[in-house]
N, C-alpha and C. Protein backbone atom coordinates (compact mmCIF):
# COMPACT_ATOMS: atom_id res chain seq x y z
N UNK A 1 30.87 43.09 72.57
CA UNK A 1 30.00 43.06 71.41
C UNK A 1 29.64 41.62 71.12
N UNK A 2 28.39 41.30 70.86
CA UNK A 2 27.94 39.96 70.53
C UNK A 2 27.48 39.94 69.08
N UNK A 3 27.97 38.98 68.31
CA UNK A 3 27.70 38.92 66.89
C UNK A 3 27.17 37.55 66.53
N UNK A 4 26.17 37.49 65.68
CA UNK A 4 25.71 36.20 65.17
C UNK A 4 25.93 36.18 63.67
N UNK A 5 26.15 35.01 63.11
CA UNK A 5 26.37 34.90 61.68
C UNK A 5 25.93 33.52 61.21
N UNK A 6 25.82 33.37 59.91
CA UNK A 6 25.37 32.10 59.33
C UNK A 6 26.47 31.42 58.53
N UNK A 7 27.69 31.94 58.57
CA UNK A 7 28.79 31.34 57.83
C UNK A 7 29.17 30.00 58.41
N UNK A 8 29.94 29.21 57.62
CA UNK A 8 30.31 27.87 58.05
C UNK A 8 31.76 27.77 58.51
N UNK A 9 32.51 28.86 58.42
CA UNK A 9 33.88 28.83 58.90
C UNK A 9 34.31 30.24 59.26
N UNK A 10 35.37 30.34 60.09
CA UNK A 10 35.80 31.64 60.57
C UNK A 10 36.33 32.51 59.46
N UNK A 11 36.95 31.93 58.44
CA UNK A 11 37.54 32.72 57.38
C UNK A 11 36.52 33.48 56.58
N UNK A 12 35.27 33.10 56.63
CA UNK A 12 34.24 33.78 55.86
C UNK A 12 32.97 33.83 56.69
N UNK A 13 32.76 34.91 57.42
CA UNK A 13 31.57 35.06 58.26
C UNK A 13 30.51 35.75 57.42
N UNK A 14 29.52 35.01 57.01
CA UNK A 14 28.50 35.58 56.13
C UNK A 14 27.39 36.24 56.93
N UNK A 15 26.91 37.36 56.38
CA UNK A 15 25.75 38.07 56.95
C UNK A 15 25.85 38.25 58.47
N UNK A 16 26.89 38.84 58.96
CA UNK A 16 26.97 39.05 60.42
C UNK A 16 25.96 40.08 60.87
N UNK A 17 25.47 39.94 62.07
CA UNK A 17 24.52 40.88 62.63
C UNK A 17 24.87 41.14 64.08
N UNK A 18 24.96 42.43 64.44
CA UNK A 18 25.25 42.78 65.83
C UNK A 18 23.99 42.61 66.66
N UNK A 19 24.07 41.78 67.69
CA UNK A 19 22.91 41.53 68.53
C UNK A 19 22.87 42.49 69.70
N UNK A 20 23.99 42.65 70.38
CA UNK A 20 24.04 43.57 71.50
C UNK A 20 25.46 44.03 71.69
N UNK A 21 25.62 45.10 72.42
CA UNK A 21 26.94 45.68 72.65
C UNK A 21 27.18 45.76 74.16
N UNK A 22 28.35 45.31 74.55
CA UNK A 22 28.73 45.45 75.96
C UNK A 22 29.80 46.52 76.04
N UNK A 23 30.63 46.45 77.07
CA UNK A 23 31.65 47.49 77.24
C UNK A 23 32.58 47.51 76.05
N UNK A 24 32.82 48.67 75.42
CA UNK A 24 33.70 48.73 74.27
C UNK A 24 35.15 48.45 74.62
N UNK A 25 35.50 48.47 75.90
CA UNK A 25 36.87 48.21 76.29
C UNK A 25 37.17 46.72 76.38
N UNK A 26 36.13 45.86 76.31
CA UNK A 26 36.32 44.43 76.43
C UNK A 26 36.01 43.76 75.11
N UNK A 27 37.03 43.49 74.26
CA UNK A 27 36.77 42.91 72.95
C UNK A 27 36.47 41.43 73.05
N UNK A 28 35.30 41.09 73.60
CA UNK A 28 34.89 39.71 73.76
C UNK A 28 33.72 39.45 72.83
N UNK A 29 33.82 38.44 71.95
CA UNK A 29 32.80 38.17 70.94
C UNK A 29 32.23 36.77 71.15
N UNK A 30 30.91 36.64 71.03
CA UNK A 30 30.27 35.33 71.04
C UNK A 30 29.79 35.07 69.62
N UNK A 31 30.26 34.00 69.01
CA UNK A 31 29.94 33.70 67.63
C UNK A 31 29.07 32.46 67.57
N UNK A 32 28.01 32.53 66.80
CA UNK A 32 27.17 31.37 66.57
C UNK A 32 27.29 31.00 65.10
N UNK A 33 27.67 29.78 64.82
CA UNK A 33 27.85 29.34 63.44
C UNK A 33 27.01 28.11 63.20
N UNK A 34 26.74 27.83 61.92
CA UNK A 34 25.86 26.71 61.59
C UNK A 34 26.54 25.37 61.70
N UNK A 35 27.85 25.37 61.75
CA UNK A 35 28.58 24.11 61.89
C UNK A 35 29.82 24.36 62.72
N UNK A 36 30.29 23.33 63.41
CA UNK A 36 31.47 23.48 64.23
C UNK A 36 32.68 23.72 63.35
N UNK A 37 33.46 24.78 63.62
CA UNK A 37 34.60 25.06 62.77
C UNK A 37 35.66 24.00 62.91
N UNK A 38 36.53 23.95 61.91
CA UNK A 38 37.63 23.01 61.98
C UNK A 38 38.57 23.42 63.11
N UNK A 39 39.53 22.55 63.39
CA UNK A 39 40.38 22.77 64.55
C UNK A 39 41.01 24.16 64.50
N UNK A 40 40.32 25.10 65.06
CA UNK A 40 40.82 26.48 65.09
C UNK A 40 40.93 26.91 66.54
N UNK A 41 42.09 27.36 66.90
CA UNK A 41 42.31 27.80 68.28
C UNK A 41 42.61 29.28 68.37
N UNK A 42 42.84 29.95 67.26
CA UNK A 42 43.09 31.38 67.30
C UNK A 42 42.63 32.01 66.01
N UNK A 43 42.36 33.28 66.07
CA UNK A 43 41.91 34.00 64.90
C UNK A 43 42.50 35.41 64.98
N UNK A 44 42.95 35.94 63.86
CA UNK A 44 43.64 37.22 63.89
C UNK A 44 42.69 38.39 63.77
N UNK A 45 41.55 38.19 63.07
CA UNK A 45 40.61 39.29 62.97
C UNK A 45 39.25 38.76 62.59
N UNK A 46 38.23 39.59 62.79
CA UNK A 46 36.88 39.30 62.35
C UNK A 46 36.41 40.44 61.48
N UNK A 47 35.63 40.13 60.45
CA UNK A 47 35.04 41.17 59.62
C UNK A 47 33.55 41.22 59.92
N UNK A 48 33.08 42.35 60.38
CA UNK A 48 31.67 42.52 60.71
C UNK A 48 31.16 43.74 59.98
N UNK A 49 30.27 43.51 59.01
CA UNK A 49 29.70 44.59 58.21
C UNK A 49 30.77 45.49 57.63
N UNK A 50 31.79 44.86 57.06
CA UNK A 50 32.84 45.61 56.40
C UNK A 50 33.90 46.15 57.33
N UNK A 51 33.70 46.02 58.64
CA UNK A 51 34.68 46.53 59.60
C UNK A 51 35.58 45.38 60.02
N UNK A 52 36.86 45.66 60.16
CA UNK A 52 37.83 44.65 60.56
C UNK A 52 38.17 44.83 62.03
N UNK A 53 37.87 43.83 62.84
CA UNK A 53 38.12 43.90 64.28
C UNK A 53 39.33 43.01 64.60
N UNK A 54 40.41 43.63 65.02
CA UNK A 54 41.62 42.89 65.36
C UNK A 54 41.46 42.26 66.73
N UNK A 55 41.85 41.00 66.84
CA UNK A 55 41.79 40.29 68.11
C UNK A 55 43.17 39.73 68.40
N UNK A 56 44.03 40.46 69.08
CA UNK A 56 45.39 39.97 69.33
C UNK A 56 45.40 38.81 70.30
N UNK A 57 45.77 37.63 69.83
CA UNK A 57 45.92 36.45 70.66
C UNK A 57 44.61 36.07 71.34
N UNK A 58 43.78 35.27 70.65
CA UNK A 58 42.50 34.86 71.20
C UNK A 58 42.42 33.36 71.28
N UNK A 59 41.51 32.86 72.07
CA UNK A 59 41.26 31.44 72.20
C UNK A 59 39.78 31.18 72.01
N UNK A 60 39.46 30.02 71.42
CA UNK A 60 38.08 29.64 71.19
C UNK A 60 37.70 28.54 72.17
N UNK A 61 36.61 28.75 72.88
CA UNK A 61 36.14 27.74 73.81
C UNK A 61 34.72 27.36 73.44
N UNK A 62 34.46 26.06 73.36
CA UNK A 62 33.15 25.59 72.92
C UNK A 62 32.11 25.81 74.00
N UNK A 63 30.98 26.40 73.61
CA UNK A 63 29.85 26.56 74.50
C UNK A 63 28.87 25.42 74.26
N UNK A 64 28.56 25.14 73.01
CA UNK A 64 27.81 23.95 72.63
C UNK A 64 28.23 23.60 71.21
N UNK A 65 27.51 22.73 70.54
CA UNK A 65 27.94 22.24 69.23
C UNK A 65 27.95 23.32 68.17
N UNK A 66 27.21 24.39 68.38
CA UNK A 66 27.16 25.42 67.33
C UNK A 66 27.47 26.81 67.86
N UNK A 67 27.92 26.95 69.10
CA UNK A 67 28.18 28.26 69.67
C UNK A 67 29.59 28.29 70.25
N UNK A 68 30.34 29.32 69.94
CA UNK A 68 31.72 29.45 70.40
C UNK A 68 31.95 30.85 70.93
N UNK A 69 32.76 30.94 71.98
CA UNK A 69 33.09 32.23 72.59
C UNK A 69 34.54 32.55 72.30
N UNK A 70 34.79 33.76 71.81
CA UNK A 70 36.14 34.21 71.51
C UNK A 70 36.53 35.22 72.56
N UNK A 71 37.59 34.93 73.30
CA UNK A 71 38.04 35.83 74.35
C UNK A 71 39.54 36.05 74.24
N UNK A 72 39.99 37.27 74.36
CA UNK A 72 41.43 37.53 74.31
C UNK A 72 42.10 37.02 75.56
N UNK A 73 43.35 36.55 75.41
CA UNK A 73 44.09 36.07 76.57
C UNK A 73 44.37 37.20 77.54
N UNK A 74 44.66 38.35 77.01
CA UNK A 74 44.91 39.51 77.86
C UNK A 74 44.47 40.76 77.12
N UNK A 75 43.89 41.68 77.87
CA UNK A 75 43.44 42.94 77.29
C UNK A 75 44.26 44.05 77.92
N UNK A 76 45.12 44.70 77.13
CA UNK A 76 45.92 45.77 77.72
C UNK A 76 45.04 46.90 78.22
N UNK A 77 45.33 47.34 79.44
CA UNK A 77 44.55 48.42 80.01
C UNK A 77 45.07 49.76 79.53
N UNK A 78 44.17 50.69 79.34
CA UNK A 78 44.54 52.03 78.90
C UNK A 78 44.19 53.00 80.00
N UNK A 79 45.18 53.74 80.50
CA UNK A 79 44.95 54.71 81.56
C UNK A 79 44.91 56.10 80.96
N UNK A 80 44.01 56.89 81.46
CA UNK A 80 43.85 58.25 80.98
C UNK A 80 44.16 59.21 82.12
N UNK A 81 44.89 60.30 81.83
CA UNK A 81 45.19 61.25 82.89
C UNK A 81 43.94 61.91 83.43
N UNK A 82 43.93 62.10 84.74
CA UNK A 82 42.77 62.74 85.35
C UNK A 82 42.69 64.20 84.92
N UNK A 83 41.47 64.69 84.75
CA UNK A 83 41.25 66.09 84.42
C UNK A 83 40.91 66.81 85.71
N UNK A 84 41.88 67.54 86.23
CA UNK A 84 41.68 68.21 87.51
C UNK A 84 40.79 69.43 87.41
N UNK A 85 40.37 69.80 86.21
CA UNK A 85 39.51 70.96 86.03
C UNK A 85 38.15 70.59 85.42
N UNK A 86 37.85 69.30 85.37
CA UNK A 86 36.59 68.87 84.78
C UNK A 86 35.40 69.36 85.60
N UNK A 87 35.49 69.25 86.91
CA UNK A 87 34.38 69.63 87.78
C UNK A 87 34.67 70.86 88.63
N UNK A 88 35.87 71.37 88.54
CA UNK A 88 36.26 72.53 89.36
C UNK A 88 37.28 73.33 88.56
N UNK A 89 36.90 74.53 88.17
CA UNK A 89 37.76 75.34 87.31
C UNK A 89 38.70 76.27 88.08
N UNK A 90 38.70 76.19 89.38
CA UNK A 90 39.57 77.06 90.17
C UNK A 90 41.04 76.72 89.94
N UNK A 91 41.90 77.73 89.87
CA UNK A 91 43.34 77.46 89.72
C UNK A 91 43.87 76.66 90.90
N UNK A 92 44.96 75.94 90.65
CA UNK A 92 45.59 75.12 91.69
C UNK A 92 46.98 75.67 91.97
N UNK A 93 47.26 75.93 93.26
CA UNK A 93 48.58 76.37 93.69
C UNK A 93 49.39 75.14 94.10
N UNK A 94 50.53 74.94 93.46
CA UNK A 94 51.43 73.83 93.79
C UNK A 94 52.54 74.37 94.70
N UNK A 95 52.65 73.81 95.88
CA UNK A 95 53.60 74.28 96.89
C UNK A 95 54.47 73.13 97.36
N UNK A 96 55.59 73.46 97.96
CA UNK A 96 56.49 72.46 98.53
C UNK A 96 55.91 71.99 99.86
N UNK A 97 55.47 70.73 99.91
CA UNK A 97 54.77 70.23 101.09
C UNK A 97 55.64 69.96 102.29
N UNK A 98 56.97 69.97 102.16
CA UNK A 98 57.84 69.72 103.31
C UNK A 98 58.54 70.99 103.78
N UNK A 99 58.33 72.08 103.08
CA UNK A 99 58.97 73.35 103.42
C UNK A 99 58.13 74.11 104.44
N UNK A 100 58.72 74.42 105.60
CA UNK A 100 57.98 75.15 106.63
C UNK A 100 57.62 76.56 106.18
N UNK A 101 58.51 77.20 105.47
CA UNK A 101 58.21 78.54 104.97
C UNK A 101 57.04 78.50 103.99
N UNK A 102 57.06 77.50 103.11
CA UNK A 102 55.98 77.37 102.12
C UNK A 102 54.65 77.04 102.78
N UNK A 103 54.68 76.18 103.79
CA UNK A 103 53.44 75.82 104.49
C UNK A 103 52.88 77.00 105.27
N UNK A 104 53.76 77.84 105.78
CA UNK A 104 53.29 79.05 106.43
C UNK A 104 52.61 79.98 105.43
N UNK A 105 53.18 80.04 104.21
CA UNK A 105 52.57 80.85 103.16
C UNK A 105 51.22 80.27 102.74
N UNK A 106 51.10 78.93 102.73
CA UNK A 106 49.83 78.29 102.40
C UNK A 106 48.77 78.67 103.44
N UNK A 107 49.14 78.64 104.71
CA UNK A 107 48.20 79.03 105.77
C UNK A 107 47.73 80.47 105.58
N UNK A 108 48.67 81.34 105.22
CA UNK A 108 48.33 82.74 105.00
C UNK A 108 47.38 82.89 103.82
N UNK A 109 47.67 82.16 102.74
CA UNK A 109 46.81 82.24 101.55
C UNK A 109 45.40 81.73 101.84
N UNK A 110 45.30 80.67 102.64
CA UNK A 110 43.98 80.15 102.98
C UNK A 110 43.18 81.17 103.79
N UNK A 111 43.85 81.84 104.71
CA UNK A 111 43.16 82.84 105.53
C UNK A 111 42.77 84.08 104.73
N UNK A 112 43.57 84.41 103.73
CA UNK A 112 43.31 85.61 102.93
C UNK A 112 42.49 85.33 101.68
N UNK A 113 42.00 84.11 101.58
CA UNK A 113 41.18 83.72 100.43
C UNK A 113 39.85 83.16 100.92
N UNK A 114 39.03 83.99 101.57
CA UNK A 114 37.78 83.49 102.16
C UNK A 114 36.79 82.99 101.11
N UNK A 115 36.88 83.46 99.90
CA UNK A 115 35.96 83.01 98.84
C UNK A 115 36.41 81.70 98.20
N UNK A 116 37.58 81.25 98.54
CA UNK A 116 38.07 79.99 97.99
C UNK A 116 38.39 80.07 96.51
N UNK A 117 39.10 81.11 96.12
CA UNK A 117 39.44 81.30 94.70
C UNK A 117 40.45 80.27 94.21
N UNK A 118 41.26 79.74 95.13
CA UNK A 118 42.33 78.83 94.75
C UNK A 118 42.18 77.48 95.45
N UNK A 119 42.71 76.46 94.79
CA UNK A 119 42.88 75.15 95.41
C UNK A 119 44.38 74.93 95.64
N UNK A 120 44.70 73.92 96.43
CA UNK A 120 46.09 73.65 96.81
C UNK A 120 46.45 72.20 96.51
N UNK A 121 47.70 71.99 96.16
CA UNK A 121 48.23 70.63 96.00
C UNK A 121 49.73 70.69 96.23
N UNK A 122 50.24 69.73 97.01
CA UNK A 122 51.67 69.67 97.23
C UNK A 122 52.37 69.24 95.95
N UNK A 123 53.52 69.83 95.69
CA UNK A 123 54.30 69.44 94.51
C UNK A 123 54.65 67.96 94.53
N UNK A 124 54.82 67.39 95.73
CA UNK A 124 55.23 65.99 95.85
C UNK A 124 54.07 65.01 95.76
N UNK A 125 52.84 65.48 95.75
CA UNK A 125 51.67 64.60 95.71
C UNK A 125 51.42 64.09 94.29
N UNK A 126 50.64 63.01 94.15
CA UNK A 126 50.29 62.54 92.80
C UNK A 126 49.62 63.62 91.96
N UNK A 127 48.74 64.40 92.59
CA UNK A 127 48.08 65.48 91.85
C UNK A 127 49.09 66.54 91.42
N UNK A 128 50.01 66.87 92.32
CA UNK A 128 51.02 67.87 91.99
C UNK A 128 51.93 67.43 90.87
N UNK A 129 52.36 66.18 90.90
CA UNK A 129 53.23 65.65 89.85
C UNK A 129 52.48 65.61 88.51
N UNK A 130 51.21 65.25 88.58
CA UNK A 130 50.40 65.20 87.35
C UNK A 130 50.23 66.60 86.75
N UNK A 131 49.97 67.57 87.59
CA UNK A 131 49.78 68.93 87.10
C UNK A 131 51.08 69.53 86.59
N UNK A 132 52.20 69.18 87.19
CA UNK A 132 53.48 69.63 86.67
C UNK A 132 53.69 69.14 85.25
N UNK A 133 53.35 67.88 85.00
CA UNK A 133 53.47 67.34 83.65
C UNK A 133 52.51 68.03 82.69
N UNK A 134 51.33 68.38 83.18
CA UNK A 134 50.38 69.11 82.35
C UNK A 134 50.97 70.43 81.88
N UNK A 135 51.80 71.03 82.74
CA UNK A 135 52.44 72.31 82.40
C UNK A 135 53.69 72.14 81.55
N UNK A 136 54.09 70.90 81.30
CA UNK A 136 55.32 70.67 80.56
C UNK A 136 56.57 70.69 81.42
N UNK A 137 56.40 70.60 82.74
CA UNK A 137 57.54 70.58 83.66
C UNK A 137 57.80 69.15 84.12
N UNK A 138 58.99 68.91 84.65
CA UNK A 138 59.33 67.59 85.16
C UNK A 138 58.50 67.30 86.41
N UNK A 139 58.01 66.07 86.57
CA UNK A 139 57.13 65.76 87.72
C UNK A 139 57.83 65.85 89.07
N UNK A 140 59.16 65.84 89.09
CA UNK A 140 59.88 65.94 90.35
C UNK A 140 60.51 67.31 90.55
N UNK A 141 60.08 68.29 89.78
CA UNK A 141 60.62 69.64 89.87
C UNK A 141 59.90 70.41 90.98
N UNK A 142 60.59 70.62 92.09
CA UNK A 142 60.00 71.36 93.22
C UNK A 142 60.74 72.68 93.44
N UNK A 143 61.36 73.18 92.39
CA UNK A 143 62.18 74.39 92.51
C UNK A 143 61.36 75.66 92.64
N UNK A 144 60.08 75.61 92.28
CA UNK A 144 59.29 76.84 92.27
C UNK A 144 57.83 76.55 92.61
N UNK A 145 57.20 77.52 93.21
CA UNK A 145 55.75 77.48 93.34
C UNK A 145 55.16 77.61 91.95
N UNK A 146 54.03 76.95 91.72
CA UNK A 146 53.40 76.97 90.40
C UNK A 146 51.90 77.18 90.60
N UNK A 147 51.34 78.05 89.78
CA UNK A 147 49.88 78.22 89.74
C UNK A 147 49.41 77.69 88.40
N UNK A 148 48.58 76.64 88.45
CA UNK A 148 48.10 75.99 87.23
C UNK A 148 46.64 76.38 87.02
N UNK A 149 46.34 76.82 85.82
CA UNK A 149 44.98 77.20 85.47
C UNK A 149 44.42 76.27 84.41
N UNK A 150 43.13 76.33 84.23
CA UNK A 150 42.46 75.48 83.25
C UNK A 150 43.02 75.75 81.85
N UNK A 151 43.23 74.68 81.10
CA UNK A 151 43.76 74.81 79.75
C UNK A 151 45.27 74.69 79.69
N UNK A 152 45.93 74.42 80.82
CA UNK A 152 47.37 74.26 80.83
C UNK A 152 48.16 75.52 81.08
N UNK A 153 47.49 76.67 81.15
CA UNK A 153 48.20 77.91 81.45
C UNK A 153 48.74 77.85 82.87
N UNK A 154 49.98 78.32 83.06
CA UNK A 154 50.56 78.26 84.39
C UNK A 154 51.51 79.42 84.62
N UNK A 155 51.80 79.68 85.89
CA UNK A 155 52.69 80.76 86.31
C UNK A 155 53.68 80.18 87.31
N UNK A 156 54.93 80.64 87.22
CA UNK A 156 55.95 80.17 88.15
C UNK A 156 56.67 81.36 88.77
N UNK A 157 57.40 81.09 89.83
CA UNK A 157 58.24 82.07 90.51
C UNK A 157 57.45 83.34 90.85
N UNK A 158 57.99 84.51 90.53
CA UNK A 158 57.34 85.76 90.95
C UNK A 158 56.02 85.98 90.22
N UNK A 159 55.89 85.47 89.00
CA UNK A 159 54.61 85.59 88.30
C UNK A 159 53.51 84.84 89.05
N UNK A 160 53.87 83.68 89.63
CA UNK A 160 52.90 82.92 90.42
C UNK A 160 52.49 83.69 91.67
N UNK A 161 53.45 84.34 92.32
CA UNK A 161 53.15 85.12 93.51
C UNK A 161 52.18 86.26 93.17
N UNK A 162 52.43 86.94 92.04
CA UNK A 162 51.55 88.04 91.64
C UNK A 162 50.17 87.53 91.26
N UNK A 163 50.11 86.37 90.62
CA UNK A 163 48.80 85.80 90.25
C UNK A 163 48.00 85.45 91.51
N UNK A 164 48.66 84.94 92.52
CA UNK A 164 47.98 84.61 93.78
C UNK A 164 47.49 85.88 94.46
N UNK A 165 48.36 86.90 94.49
CA UNK A 165 48.00 88.17 95.15
C UNK A 165 46.76 88.79 94.51
N UNK A 166 46.60 88.61 93.21
CA UNK A 166 45.43 89.17 92.52
C UNK A 166 44.13 88.56 93.02
N UNK A 167 44.17 87.31 93.50
CA UNK A 167 42.95 86.63 93.94
C UNK A 167 42.68 86.70 95.43
N UNK A 168 43.60 87.28 96.19
CA UNK A 168 43.42 87.36 97.64
C UNK A 168 42.64 88.62 98.01
N UNK A 169 42.30 88.71 99.28
CA UNK A 169 41.56 89.88 99.76
C UNK A 169 42.48 91.10 99.84
N UNK A 170 41.89 92.27 99.94
CA UNK A 170 42.65 93.53 100.00
C UNK A 170 43.58 93.52 101.22
N UNK A 171 44.77 94.13 101.05
CA UNK A 171 45.24 94.98 99.94
C UNK A 171 46.13 94.27 98.93
N UNK A 172 46.15 92.93 98.94
CA UNK A 172 47.10 92.20 98.10
C UNK A 172 46.91 92.41 96.60
N UNK A 173 45.67 92.55 96.09
CA UNK A 173 45.55 92.88 94.66
C UNK A 173 46.26 94.18 94.29
N UNK A 174 46.31 95.13 95.24
CA UNK A 174 47.00 96.39 95.00
C UNK A 174 48.52 96.16 94.92
N UNK A 175 49.03 95.28 95.78
CA UNK A 175 50.45 94.93 95.73
C UNK A 175 50.79 94.32 94.38
N UNK A 176 49.90 93.46 93.89
CA UNK A 176 50.12 92.83 92.59
C UNK A 176 50.15 93.87 91.48
N UNK A 177 49.29 94.86 91.59
CA UNK A 177 49.23 95.91 90.58
C UNK A 177 50.55 96.66 90.49
N UNK A 178 51.18 96.92 91.63
CA UNK A 178 52.47 97.62 91.64
C UNK A 178 53.62 96.68 91.28
N UNK A 179 53.44 95.38 91.50
CA UNK A 179 54.53 94.45 91.22
C UNK A 179 54.67 94.07 89.77
N UNK A 180 53.57 94.09 89.02
CA UNK A 180 53.61 93.68 87.62
C UNK A 180 54.59 94.50 86.78
N UNK A 181 54.65 95.85 86.93
CA UNK A 181 55.59 96.62 86.09
C UNK A 181 57.06 96.34 86.36
N UNK A 182 57.39 95.75 87.51
CA UNK A 182 58.80 95.46 87.82
C UNK A 182 59.29 94.39 86.85
N UNK A 183 60.46 94.59 86.23
CA UNK A 183 60.98 93.61 85.27
C UNK A 183 61.04 92.20 85.88
N UNK A 184 60.60 91.20 85.14
CA UNK A 184 60.57 89.83 85.68
C UNK A 184 61.92 89.34 86.18
N UNK A 185 63.01 89.72 85.52
CA UNK A 185 64.31 89.19 85.95
C UNK A 185 64.68 89.71 87.33
N UNK A 186 64.22 90.90 87.68
CA UNK A 186 64.46 91.42 89.03
C UNK A 186 63.59 90.71 90.05
N UNK A 187 62.32 90.55 89.71
CA UNK A 187 61.41 89.85 90.62
C UNK A 187 61.85 88.41 90.84
N UNK A 188 62.23 87.73 89.76
CA UNK A 188 62.63 86.34 89.85
C UNK A 188 63.95 86.16 90.60
N UNK A 189 64.83 87.15 90.50
CA UNK A 189 66.10 87.08 91.23
C UNK A 189 65.84 87.08 92.73
N UNK A 190 64.92 87.92 93.17
CA UNK A 190 64.57 87.96 94.59
C UNK A 190 63.87 86.67 94.99
N UNK A 191 62.99 86.18 94.12
CA UNK A 191 62.29 84.92 94.43
C UNK A 191 63.29 83.77 94.57
N UNK A 192 64.23 83.67 93.62
CA UNK A 192 65.21 82.58 93.66
C UNK A 192 66.07 82.65 94.91
N UNK A 193 66.38 83.85 95.36
CA UNK A 193 67.19 84.00 96.56
C UNK A 193 66.49 83.39 97.77
N UNK A 194 65.19 83.62 97.87
CA UNK A 194 64.43 83.06 98.99
C UNK A 194 64.20 81.57 98.78
N UNK A 195 63.80 81.19 97.57
CA UNK A 195 63.47 79.79 97.30
C UNK A 195 64.67 78.86 97.48
N UNK A 196 65.84 79.31 97.05
CA UNK A 196 67.03 78.47 97.16
C UNK A 196 67.49 78.27 98.60
N UNK A 197 67.04 79.14 99.48
CA UNK A 197 67.45 79.05 100.89
C UNK A 197 66.27 78.79 101.82
N UNK A 198 65.16 78.34 101.28
CA UNK A 198 63.94 78.21 102.08
C UNK A 198 64.08 77.20 103.21
N UNK A 199 64.84 76.13 103.01
CA UNK A 199 65.02 75.15 104.09
C UNK A 199 65.92 75.69 105.18
N UNK A 200 66.82 76.60 104.82
CA UNK A 200 67.72 77.19 105.81
C UNK A 200 67.00 78.23 106.65
N UNK A 201 65.97 78.84 106.08
CA UNK A 201 65.27 79.92 106.78
C UNK A 201 64.41 79.38 107.91
N UNK A 202 63.50 78.44 107.59
CA UNK A 202 62.60 77.90 108.61
C UNK A 202 62.63 76.38 108.70
N UNK A 203 63.54 75.76 107.98
CA UNK A 203 63.66 74.31 108.06
C UNK A 203 62.61 73.58 107.24
N UNK A 204 62.55 72.27 107.44
CA UNK A 204 61.60 71.42 106.71
C UNK A 204 61.01 70.38 107.64
N UNK A 205 59.84 69.93 107.31
CA UNK A 205 59.15 68.93 108.13
C UNK A 205 59.43 67.53 107.60
N UNK A 206 59.22 66.53 108.45
CA UNK A 206 59.48 65.15 108.07
C UNK A 206 58.37 64.57 107.19
N UNK A 207 57.16 65.07 107.37
CA UNK A 207 56.00 64.55 106.63
C UNK A 207 55.48 65.62 105.69
N UNK A 208 55.24 65.22 104.45
CA UNK A 208 54.72 66.17 103.45
C UNK A 208 53.26 66.51 103.75
N UNK A 209 52.96 67.77 103.73
CA UNK A 209 51.59 68.23 103.98
C UNK A 209 50.77 68.07 102.69
N UNK A 210 49.77 67.22 102.74
CA UNK A 210 48.93 66.97 101.57
C UNK A 210 47.55 67.58 101.68
N UNK A 211 47.11 67.88 102.90
CA UNK A 211 45.75 68.40 103.09
C UNK A 211 45.67 69.20 104.38
N UNK A 212 44.51 69.77 104.59
CA UNK A 212 44.23 70.53 105.81
C UNK A 212 42.79 70.24 106.19
N UNK A 213 42.57 69.71 107.38
CA UNK A 213 41.22 69.32 107.80
C UNK A 213 40.25 70.49 107.80
N UNK A 214 40.75 71.69 108.00
CA UNK A 214 39.87 72.86 108.02
C UNK A 214 39.39 73.24 106.62
N UNK A 215 40.19 72.88 105.62
CA UNK A 215 39.86 73.27 104.24
C UNK A 215 39.97 72.04 103.32
N UNK A 216 39.29 70.98 103.71
CA UNK A 216 39.43 69.72 102.97
C UNK A 216 39.01 69.85 101.51
N UNK A 217 38.03 70.73 101.23
CA UNK A 217 37.54 70.88 99.85
C UNK A 217 38.49 71.69 99.00
N UNK A 218 39.50 72.27 99.61
CA UNK A 218 40.44 73.14 98.90
C UNK A 218 41.71 72.42 98.48
N UNK A 219 41.93 71.20 98.99
CA UNK A 219 43.15 70.47 98.71
C UNK A 219 42.86 69.28 97.80
N UNK A 220 43.75 69.03 96.87
CA UNK A 220 43.68 67.81 96.06
C UNK A 220 45.02 67.11 96.19
N UNK A 221 44.98 65.81 96.38
CA UNK A 221 46.21 65.05 96.60
C UNK A 221 46.39 63.92 95.60
N UNK A 222 45.30 63.23 95.28
CA UNK A 222 45.40 62.07 94.39
C UNK A 222 45.17 62.46 92.93
């Protein structure tokens, strides 16, 4: 933001006027005053049209006899979590990327999902860890497959399996229809039995699977 004023000292900036606006994330102000201010090397805030702009730790550098630039020594950066559903509303299946059994299931799901109803992300990937946190789970929790939907809704364990079956080609939606009435504690007990022994069943790979060249648009990793 660039501001001009006619005041004679920083403590009282009279009639300030906004000339132009730059990036709102960079609180850098160029001040033009009618006289060179007294030995001032820092200022805690500026008042512009009744608004108080805090400037944590700033330095004044002379541009000419009547123009001074105020720049912060450091501007803390603000990071915002990525929105994985901003441009694509398809649910995301989070799978164990080093589990051979899980990767075999991913291959099966890709083949049985010709319409591309689901996207994939490894639980160990940055995208997977981010989505786990979106669901309120620990980012390093790889104990269960997770289906994450837009708005933070998610399914785990046997509920996730049934949600996936509903979106696959026939006859899997029919299997899901018969599986839903089964009490969750029974379904989850069977799921836990397989999940807890998944590395013993088919082993694990040395490299985490983050993508598939055949379905590059279906995988998110970063």
